């Protein structure tokens, strides 16, 4: 287990002035909080979502503190894939709401917006929906301005491709194949 997880939770809990007992009420039990903080148990994805909500921190802040910025995209895609695979709409919806809230709090952070869109697109995919024209235009504009596709861009495209009508996304897939 990553030893930073427990210390991050403990540090934020203390900064917020929340007791283990109070946090335990919000996420399940005081003993669970203690086991997480002492690195005796790994918090589940659902518990991480509950912790972020209870500690009033963003999903991004938690994963940045625990794993560093570099691994956030990989962590998010892993979590989204897991929720998609198991058709876990409740957890996916909660994650999407948290990311949307983070996006609203940090409107100038493009990564937060893209993380939110990736989560939203996973929900759309499970419900067989297509994004609104505004969301499609935002994504098309973003993809249009890419001169050289990076890993991050490919992850975003892979996660949102189902949100965009096929005729609108085809030129970008052709561009990637050419590169």
Foldseek 3Di string as FASTA:
>chain_A
DQLQQLCVLVVLCVVLVHDLQRLCVQQPGSVVNVCRNRVVDDDDLQSLLSSCVVSVHAPQVSCCRRPNNVCPLVVLVVVLVVCLVVVVLVSLVSNLVRLVVVCVVPVPDVVSVLSSLLSVLSVCVSVVEAADPVVQVVLLVVLVPDPDDDPVNVSSCVSRVSNYDPVSCVVSVVVNVVD
